[in-house]
Each structure stands twice: as C-alpha cells, then as structure tokens.
C-alpha cells in the first residue's frame, strides 16, 4: 500500500455522521405523520412504523459487517506523513454529500403519511439508529484492538460516506489517542483519551 501524504478520515465518524440527521428527520416526519389519519389509520401506521424501525436498524447494523471486520484485521499502521482529518470536517463532508438524499427521504417519509401514518418517518429514524449502533460496534472493534481505524478520504466516494465500499482497499490504524474522536466516532471529551 502506498505510504505518505494521504488524508485519512475515521471510519466510525463516517458511519456515525448520518445517524443524527436521519434520526431527527425521521422523528419529525413521524411526528407530523401521526397528525394525518391516512388510509390505514394511525394505529396501524404506528405499529407498521415500529416494525420498520426495528427491521431497518438491524439491517443497517448488519450490512457489510464481515467487510468491516476483514478491513480492520488487515489495517496497516498510518504513516507519519498521513494527515488525520478532524471529526467536524468528516461529518460536514458526509452531510454535504448526502443532504439532497436526506431531504428527498424526508419528503417521501412525509408523503407516505397520507397512506400509512408515521411509518415512513420511523423507517428513516431506524436508519439513523442503525448507523449509531454500527458506529458503536466499530468502537468496540477499536477498543479490542487498542487502535483507531482510518480510511483514505479519496476512497470514500462522491458523497464521502462509503467506508467499506469497493474502492476501499484497506484501512490504516493509529494509537487509541490519535485524532479528536473517541472509539466509535463520538466527540472526545476533554482530558479523556479512551
């Protein structure tokens, strides 16, 4: 693998970046959806939404799990010339790359309330919950290996959000204290290294 001068983004931060926007948009869409009686009625809509929330969260959590594990096991040590991207920059890049998709998903979730109230919003919120759970799972991998996982920025794709895609040839690893994000991609608290 080529060494030197690569921009690196934290894998867990990339995964976690979509959790809050999708979760909040889903909650808002579900809340608005409950106000609309819809074709199926509110009760059926909320029950269907709860099922969709759980199924979506589990599917998002389990998607590409083996690939993440394989890439983590084969991670090379980061070079001293590699540039570690700040958490805020990684999150901003993901959100910029996905803003239109998120807004479209929000609009579809709102529109679906006229058929099945709240279900579309709860599905969207489930995707956000699944991303948060996946980031936490990656954090457990990082703690077990006592190293943080990074991916080359130029391998993340157009939306800066595919840390286990076909373009990704491997991960880089650093010590657990590197960068400004804790294992799992959360903001690192001041004075806390792990």
Protein backbone atom coordinates (compact mmCIF):
# COMPACT_ATOMS: atom_id res chain seq x y z
CA UNK A 1 0.00 0.00 0.00
CA UNK A 2 1.27 3.45 -0.86
CA UNK A 3 2.72 5.42 2.03
CA UNK A 4 2.87 9.10 2.67
CA UNK A 5 0.75 12.17 2.50
CA UNK A 6 -2.71 10.61 2.48
CA UNK A 7 -5.72 12.35 4.03
CA UNK A 8 -7.42 9.92 6.43
CA UNK A 9 -10.94 10.02 7.89
CA UNK A 10 -12.09 7.98 10.88
CA UNK A 11 -14.23 5.03 9.78
CA UNK A 12 -16.55 5.27 12.81
CA UNK A 13 -17.06 9.01 12.30
CA UNK A 14 -18.06 8.48 8.66
CA UNK A 15 -20.57 5.81 9.71
CA UNK A 16 -21.92 7.90 12.59
CA UNK A 17 -22.20 11.13 10.56
CA UNK A 18 -25.62 10.24 9.15
CA UNK A 19 -27.14 9.00 12.41
CA UNK A 20 -28.27 12.36 13.82
CA UNK A 21 -29.70 13.88 10.61
CA UNK A 22 -31.59 10.73 9.63
CA UNK A 23 -32.78 10.18 13.19
CA UNK A 24 -34.08 13.73 13.65
CA UNK A 25 -35.64 13.94 10.19
CA UNK A 26 -37.33 10.60 10.88
CA UNK A 27 -38.67 11.75 14.25
CA UNK A 28 -40.05 14.96 12.73
CA UNK A 29 -41.62 13.07 9.80
CA UNK A 30 -43.16 10.50 12.16
CA UNK A 31 -44.48 13.25 14.44
CA UNK A 32 -46.11 15.07 11.54
CA UNK A 33 -47.33 11.75 10.14
CA UNK A 34 -49.23 10.94 13.33
CA UNK A 35 -51.33 14.06 12.76
CA UNK A 36 -52.56 12.70 9.41
CA UNK A 37 -55.23 9.95 9.63
CA UNK A 38 -54.01 8.27 6.43
CA UNK A 39 -55.62 5.38 4.59
CA UNK A 40 -54.66 2.70 7.11
CA UNK A 41 -55.36 4.76 10.22
CA UNK A 42 -52.93 5.94 12.91
CA UNK A 43 -52.82 2.73 14.95
CA UNK A 44 -51.83 0.52 12.03
CA UNK A 45 -49.39 3.19 10.80
CA UNK A 46 -47.61 3.43 14.15
CA UNK A 47 -47.44 -0.38 14.54
CA UNK A 48 -46.09 -0.75 10.99
CA UNK A 49 -43.64 2.08 11.70
CA UNK A 50 -42.37 0.40 14.86
CA UNK A 51 -41.73 -2.81 12.91
CA UNK A 52 -39.98 -0.87 10.13
CA UNK A 53 -37.86 0.99 12.70
CA UNK A 54 -36.59 -2.27 14.22
CA UNK A 55 -36.04 -4.05 10.90
CA UNK A 56 -34.23 -1.07 9.34
CA UNK A 57 -31.99 -0.58 12.38
CA UNK A 58 -30.96 -4.25 12.35
CA UNK A 59 -30.37 -4.32 8.57
CA UNK A 60 -28.22 -1.16 8.69
CA UNK A 61 -26.27 -2.53 11.66
CA UNK A 62 -25.53 -5.87 9.96
CA UNK A 63 -24.83 -4.60 6.41
CA UNK A 64 -21.17 -5.16 5.32
CA UNK A 65 -20.22 -6.37 8.81
CA UNK A 66 -17.82 -9.03 7.50
CA UNK A 67 -16.16 -6.48 5.23
CA UNK A 68 -15.57 -4.10 8.14
CA UNK A 69 -14.02 -6.92 10.18
CA UNK A 70 -11.77 -8.02 7.29
CA UNK A 71 -10.61 -4.45 6.63
CA UNK A 72 -9.98 -3.88 10.35
CA UNK A 73 -7.91 -7.06 10.65
CA UNK A 74 -5.78 -6.08 7.66
CA UNK A 75 -5.25 -2.46 8.73
CA UNK A 76 -1.73 -1.07 8.21
CA UNK A 77 -0.14 1.42 10.58
CA UNK A 78 -0.68 5.00 9.46
CA UNK A 79 2.41 6.79 8.18
CA UNK A 80 3.77 9.83 9.99
CA UNK A 81 3.08 11.70 6.73
CA UNK A 82 -0.64 10.86 6.72
CA UNK A 83 -2.98 13.72 7.64
CA UNK A 84 -5.73 12.86 10.13
CA UNK A 85 -8.98 14.62 9.26
CA UNK A 86 -10.83 16.36 12.10
CA UNK A 87 -14.14 14.84 13.20
CA UNK A 88 -16.05 18.02 12.30
CA UNK A 89 -14.66 18.02 8.75
CA UNK A 90 -15.59 14.36 8.22
CA UNK A 91 -19.13 14.95 9.50
CA UNK A 92 -19.53 18.10 7.37
CA UNK A 93 -18.31 16.30 4.23
CA UNK A 94 -20.76 13.42 4.78
CA UNK A 95 -23.68 15.76 5.38
CA UNK A 96 -22.87 17.90 2.35
CA UNK A 97 -22.56 14.80 0.19
CA UNK A 98 -25.90 13.39 1.36
CA UNK A 99 -28.05 16.47 2.03
CA UNK A 100 -30.23 16.07 -1.08
CA UNK A 101 -30.75 12.36 -0.44
CA UNK A 102 -31.69 13.09 3.17
CA UNK A 103 -34.16 15.80 2.14
CA UNK A 104 -35.67 13.53 -0.52
CA UNK A 105 -36.04 10.73 2.04
CA UNK A 106 -37.69 13.21 4.44
CA UNK A 107 -40.13 14.34 1.74
CA UNK A 108 -41.01 10.72 0.88
CA UNK A 109 -41.50 9.93 4.59
CA UNK A 110 -43.84 12.91 4.94
CA UNK A 111 -45.74 11.96 1.80
CA UNK A 112 -46.16 8.37 2.93
CA UNK A 113 -48.08 9.59 5.99
CA UNK A 114 -51.15 10.06 3.77
CA UNK A 115 -51.12 6.29 3.23
CA UNK A 116 -49.50 4.83 6.37
CA UNK A 117 -49.18 7.48 9.12
CA UNK A 118 -45.76 7.76 10.81
CA UNK A 119 -44.33 4.63 9.14
CA UNK A 120 -42.01 6.42 6.71
CA UNK A 121 -40.61 8.65 9.43
CA UNK A 122 -40.00 5.70 11.73
CA UNK A 123 -38.19 3.86 8.94
CA UNK A 124 -35.92 6.89 8.47
CA UNK A 125 -35.32 7.10 12.22
CA UNK A 126 -34.48 3.38 12.18
CA UNK A 127 -31.75 4.02 9.62
CA UNK A 128 -30.29 6.68 11.90
CA UNK A 129 -30.42 4.34 14.91
CA UNK A 130 -28.76 1.57 12.87
CA UNK A 131 -25.89 3.88 11.90
CA UNK A 132 -25.36 4.87 15.54
CA UNK A 133 -25.34 1.20 16.58
CA UNK A 134 -22.90 0.33 13.78
CA UNK A 135 -20.55 3.13 14.86
CA UNK A 136 -20.71 1.83 18.45
CA UNK A 137 -19.90 -1.68 17.19
CA UNK A 138 -16.88 -0.31 15.27
CA UNK A 139 -15.87 1.41 18.52
CA UNK A 140 -15.84 -1.98 20.26
CA UNK A 141 -13.58 -3.34 17.49
CA UNK A 142 -11.26 -0.35 18.02
CA UNK A 143 -11.13 -0.80 21.80
CA UNK A 144 -10.44 -4.54 21.44
CA UNK A 145 -7.53 -3.85 19.05
CA UNK A 146 -6.44 -0.74 21.01
CA UNK A 147 -6.20 1.17 17.74
CA UNK A 148 -8.39 3.56 15.77
CA UNK A 149 -9.45 2.75 12.20
CA UNK A 150 -8.99 5.27 9.40
CA UNK A 151 -9.83 5.23 5.68
CA UNK A 152 -8.31 7.25 2.87
CA UNK A 153 -10.52 10.24 2.08
CA UNK A 154 -10.16 9.74 -1.68
CA UNK A 155 -11.59 6.21 -1.33
CA UNK A 156 -14.84 7.36 0.31
CA UNK A 157 -16.61 8.09 -2.98
CA UNK A 158 -18.59 11.10 -4.18
CA UNK A 159 -20.70 11.53 -1.05
CA UNK A 160 -17.72 10.97 1.29
CA UNK A 161 -19.70 8.25 3.02
CA UNK A 162 -18.78 4.72 1.92
CA UNK A 163 -16.03 3.49 4.30
CA UNK A 164 -16.44 -0.17 3.32
CA UNK A 165 -17.16 0.23 -0.40
CA UNK A 166 -15.46 -1.39 -3.38
CA UNK A 167 -12.99 1.50 -3.73
CA UNK A 168 -11.63 0.93 -0.22
CA UNK A 169 -8.54 -1.28 -0.45
CA UNK A 170 -7.67 -1.21 3.23
CA UNK A 171 -7.72 0.73 6.48
CA UNK A 172 -4.96 2.46 8.37
CA UNK A 173 -4.60 2.22 12.13
CA UNK A 174 -3.31 4.65 14.75
CA UNK A 175 -2.98 4.62 18.50
CA UNK A 176 -6.14 4.95 20.56
CA UNK A 177 -5.37 8.60 21.47
CA UNK A 178 -4.98 9.88 17.88
CA UNK A 179 -7.39 12.42 16.46
CA UNK A 180 -10.26 14.27 18.12
CA UNK A 181 -12.88 11.47 18.18
CA UNK A 182 -13.21 8.66 20.70
CA UNK A 183 -13.61 4.98 19.70
CA UNK A 184 -16.98 4.70 17.97
CA UNK A 185 -16.72 8.19 16.46
CA UNK A 186 -18.23 10.26 19.29
CA UNK A 187 -16.71 13.61 20.22
CA UNK A 188 -13.76 13.03 22.54
CA UNK A 189 -14.32 14.58 25.95
CA UNK A 190 -11.65 16.99 27.13
CA UNK A 191 -8.91 15.22 29.08
CA UNK A 192 -10.18 11.72 28.22
CA UNK A 193 -8.06 9.57 25.91
CA UNK A 194 -10.15 6.39 25.87
